[in-house]
Protein backbone atom coordinates (compact mmCIF):
# COMPACT_ATOMS: atom_id res chain seq x y z
CA UNK A 1 0.24 0.09 0.25
CA UNK A 2 1.37 3.35 -1.05
CA UNK A 3 2.28 5.78 1.78
CA UNK A 4 0.34 8.73 2.01
CA UNK A 5 2.27 12.10 1.14
CA UNK A 6 3.26 13.98 4.91
CA UNK A 7 2.15 17.19 5.15
CA UNK A 8 3.83 19.46 8.14
CA UNK A 9 1.17 21.62 9.92
CA UNK A 10 3.16 24.65 10.76
CA UNK A 11 2.13 27.85 12.40
CA UNK A 12 1.58 29.68 16.29
CA UNK A 13 -1.46 26.81 16.36
CA UNK A 14 1.01 25.51 18.75
CA UNK A 15 0.61 28.32 21.20
CA UNK A 16 -3.40 28.64 21.11
CA UNK A 17 -6.07 27.54 23.32
CA UNK A 18 -7.23 24.01 22.21
CA UNK A 19 -4.02 23.33 20.09
CA UNK A 20 -4.92 19.45 19.65
CA UNK A 21 -8.48 20.13 18.81
CA UNK A 22 -7.26 22.37 15.62
CA UNK A 23 -4.64 20.04 14.69
CA UNK A 24 -7.48 17.52 14.68
CA UNK A 25 -9.54 19.17 12.52
CA UNK A 26 -6.60 19.94 10.17
CA UNK A 27 -5.73 16.47 9.94
CA UNK A 28 -8.80 15.00 9.28
CA UNK A 29 -9.33 17.42 6.15
CA UNK A 30 -5.92 16.53 5.07
CA UNK A 31 -6.88 12.89 5.55
CA UNK A 32 -10.22 13.51 3.30
CA UNK A 33 -7.60 15.12 0.68
CA UNK A 34 -5.50 11.88 0.83
CA UNK A 35 -2.57 13.42 2.49
CA UNK A 36 -1.13 12.74 6.52
CA UNK A 37 -1.23 15.99 8.69
CA UNK A 38 1.80 15.73 10.98
CA UNK A 39 1.75 18.71 13.65
CA UNK A 40 4.40 19.69 15.48
CA UNK A 41 3.04 18.16 18.99
CA UNK A 42 3.34 14.85 17.17
CA UNK A 43 6.96 14.90 17.69
CA UNK A 44 7.00 16.57 21.26
CA UNK A 45 5.01 13.69 23.24
CA UNK A 46 8.77 12.69 25.02
CA UNK A 47 9.14 16.35 25.95
CA UNK A 48 5.82 16.58 27.58
CA UNK A 49 7.05 16.36 31.14
CA UNK A 50 10.32 18.61 30.79
CA UNK A 51 10.67 21.52 32.63
CA UNK A 52 10.52 25.01 30.79
CA UNK A 53 13.96 26.20 29.80
CA UNK A 54 16.75 26.48 27.17
CA UNK A 55 17.25 22.61 26.86
CA UNK A 56 13.47 21.92 26.55
CA UNK A 57 13.22 24.33 24.06
CA UNK A 58 16.21 23.26 22.03
CA UNK A 59 14.71 19.85 22.16
CA UNK A 60 11.23 21.35 20.48
CA UNK A 61 13.11 22.67 17.91
CA UNK A 62 14.99 19.40 17.16
CA UNK A 63 11.86 17.29 17.04
CA UNK A 64 9.93 20.26 14.85
CA UNK A 65 12.89 20.14 12.21
CA UNK A 66 12.98 16.33 12.07
CA UNK A 67 9.12 16.31 11.24
CA UNK A 68 9.90 18.78 8.76
CA UNK A 69 12.69 16.68 7.08
CA UNK A 70 10.12 13.89 7.16
CA UNK A 71 7.47 15.37 5.30
CA UNK A 72 6.83 16.11 1.57
CA UNK A 73 5.14 19.39 2.02
CA UNK A 74 4.43 21.96 4.44
CA UNK A 75 1.10 24.27 5.25
CA UNK A 76 1.87 27.46 7.07
CA UNK A 77 -0.72 29.67 9.29
CA UNK A 78 0.00 32.94 7.99
CA UNK A 79 -2.35 34.87 10.95
CA UNK A 80 -0.95 37.84 12.61
CA UNK A 81 1.02 36.93 15.86
CA UNK A 82 0.42 38.63 19.22
CA UNK A 83 -1.81 41.00 17.96
CA UNK A 84 1.03 42.48 15.59
CA UNK A 85 0.81 42.53 11.75
CA UNK A 86 3.75 39.85 11.36
CA UNK A 87 3.09 35.91 11.18
CA UNK A 88 4.67 33.92 13.98
CA UNK A 89 8.91 34.25 13.31
CA UNK A 90 9.17 30.48 14.10
CA UNK A 91 6.86 29.83 11.55
CA UNK A 92 8.54 32.06 8.87
CA UNK A 93 11.78 30.36 9.43
CA UNK A 94 10.14 26.64 8.81
CA UNK A 95 8.92 28.45 5.61
CA UNK A 96 12.58 29.19 4.69
CA UNK A 97 13.61 25.78 5.82
CA UNK A 98 11.32 23.94 4.01
CA UNK A 99 11.60 26.09 0.96
CA UNK A 100 14.93 25.53 1.05
CA UNK A 101 14.78 21.81 0.52
CA UNK A 102 12.51 22.39 -2.40
CA UNK A 103 9.36 21.21 -1.11
CA UNK A 104 5.82 22.17 -2.04
CA UNK A 105 4.25 25.26 0.23
CA UNK A 106 1.02 26.63 0.75
CA UNK A 107 -0.35 29.13 3.63
CA UNK A 108 -3.43 30.04 5.05
CA UNK A 109 -4.95 32.73 6.92
CA UNK A 110 -8.09 33.78 8.48
CA UNK A 111 -7.10 37.30 7.83
CA UNK A 112 -7.09 38.34 4.62
CA UNK A 113 -6.25 41.89 4.55
CA UNK A 114 -3.67 42.96 2.81
CA UNK A 115 0.07 43.32 4.83
CA UNK A 116 0.38 47.04 4.74
CA UNK A 117 -3.37 47.18 5.85
CA UNK A 118 -2.32 45.10 8.74
CA UNK A 119 0.70 47.58 9.43
CA UNK A 120 -1.68 50.30 9.44
CA UNK A 121 -4.11 48.94 11.77
CA UNK A 122 -1.12 47.92 14.05
CA UNK A 123 0.26 51.32 14.21
CA UNK A 124 -2.87 52.81 15.00
CA UNK A 125 -3.95 50.47 18.00
CA UNK A 126 -0.36 49.96 19.32
CA UNK A 127 1.36 53.64 18.99
CA UNK A 128 -1.93 55.62 18.10
CA UNK A 129 0.24 56.85 14.69
CA UNK A 130 -0.39 56.76 11.45
CA UNK A 131 1.36 55.63 8.32
CA UNK A 132 2.54 58.50 6.12
CA UNK A 133 3.95 58.96 2.50
CA UNK A 134 7.44 57.71 1.95
CA UNK A 135 10.18 60.68 2.13
CA UNK A 136 12.54 58.07 -0.20
CA UNK A 137 12.60 56.31 -3.42
CA UNK A 138 12.96 53.10 -4.64
CA UNK A 139 11.87 49.46 -3.26
CA UNK A 140 8.36 48.12 -2.75
CA UNK A 141 5.98 50.39 -0.75
CA UNK A 142 4.99 53.99 -0.98
CA UNK A 143 4.03 54.16 2.95
CA UNK A 144 6.49 54.28 6.19
CA UNK A 145 5.79 54.44 9.44
CA UNK A 146 7.06 57.12 11.77
CA UNK A 147 10.19 55.35 12.23
CA UNK A 148 10.66 55.64 8.67
CA UNK A 149 10.41 51.80 7.73
CA UNK A 150 9.21 51.07 4.67
CA UNK A 151 5.55 49.45 4.43
CA UNK A 152 5.99 46.63 2.20
CA UNK A 153 4.22 43.33 0.55
CA UNK A 154 1.48 45.13 -1.13
CA UNK A 155 -0.98 42.55 -2.63
CA UNK A 156 0.19 40.26 -0.25
CA UNK A 157 -1.30 39.05 3.05
CA UNK A 158 1.76 38.56 4.93
CA UNK A 159 5.82 40.10 4.71
CA UNK A 160 6.95 39.22 0.83
CA UNK A 161 9.76 37.05 1.88
CA UNK A 162 6.97 34.53 3.34
CA UNK A 163 4.38 34.70 1.17
CA UNK A 164 6.80 34.98 -1.74
CA UNK A 165 8.78 31.92 -0.58
CA UNK A 166 5.36 29.96 -0.86
CA UNK A 167 4.29 31.08 -4.37
CA UNK A 168 7.58 30.47 -5.36
CA UNK A 169 7.22 26.88 -4.43
CA UNK A 170 4.16 26.49 -6.76
CA UNK A 171 1.76 27.06 -3.70
CA UNK A 172 -1.17 29.49 -2.83
CA UNK A 173 -2.91 30.86 0.50
CA UNK A 174 -6.34 29.74 1.22
CA UNK A 175 -8.54 32.70 2.63
CA UNK A 176 -11.34 31.69 5.06
CA UNK A 177 -13.41 32.92 7.75
CA UNK A 178 -12.35 29.63 9.68
CA UNK A 179 -9.12 27.86 10.06
CA UNK A 180 -10.17 24.79 8.25
CA UNK A 181 -12.13 26.76 5.88
CA UNK A 182 -8.92 28.68 4.93
CA UNK A 183 -6.71 25.63 5.24
CA UNK A 184 -8.85 23.86 2.93
CA UNK A 185 -8.48 25.06 -0.39
CA UNK A 186 -4.89 25.15 0.62
CA UNK A 187 -4.45 21.27 1.07
CA UNK A 188 -6.39 20.81 -1.97
CA UNK A 189 -3.83 22.16 -3.96
CA UNK A 190 -1.26 20.40 -1.99
CA UNK A 191 -2.65 16.87 -3.10
CA UNK A 192 -3.07 18.10 -6.34
CA UNK A 193 0.53 18.53 -6.86
CA UNK A 194 1.43 15.27 -4.33
CA UNK A 195 -0.89 12.69 -5.43
CA UNK A 196 -0.72 10.54 -8.75
CA UNK A 197 -3.37 11.52 -11.31
CA UNK A 198 -5.80 8.34 -11.43
């Protein structure tokens, strides 16, 4: 019997309340598409009794890397993290790691606003400040924040390097009202790429 392609289910989901239930829903969608969903928590079972600290963190990182190495593709949650505009930085690293392996990638989010809109909202809420027209030229973006940092990645839901690596791999980004709804279209794209045509 042929092994189902394994999909690494990455994102800040591991930090959220009800993480196991969220991953169970994503795994079910993967199974219905003929894929095997693999959550970071799957590689951390032997680590659950360890005390928080540097050694435990390194053990989790090593376990996650092992899971990524053993998967055929990656599915990444691109939701903003900790009320900021940007996604979880650990997930961004995982995108780069799996992209460097040449594996198919897809993303998904429940926040379909373009990245500059998220940056604008963050600056309003966190700092009570508005973005302004850029004073310089060149590069991407015609806005900057009050620190003079360019606001970029127009037309993308996340930072251009993270979403861009997904798209360069041939992937897409699903958007939906719930995590599972958003992930569904992305999982279908991965299934089309990984499963043999019948």
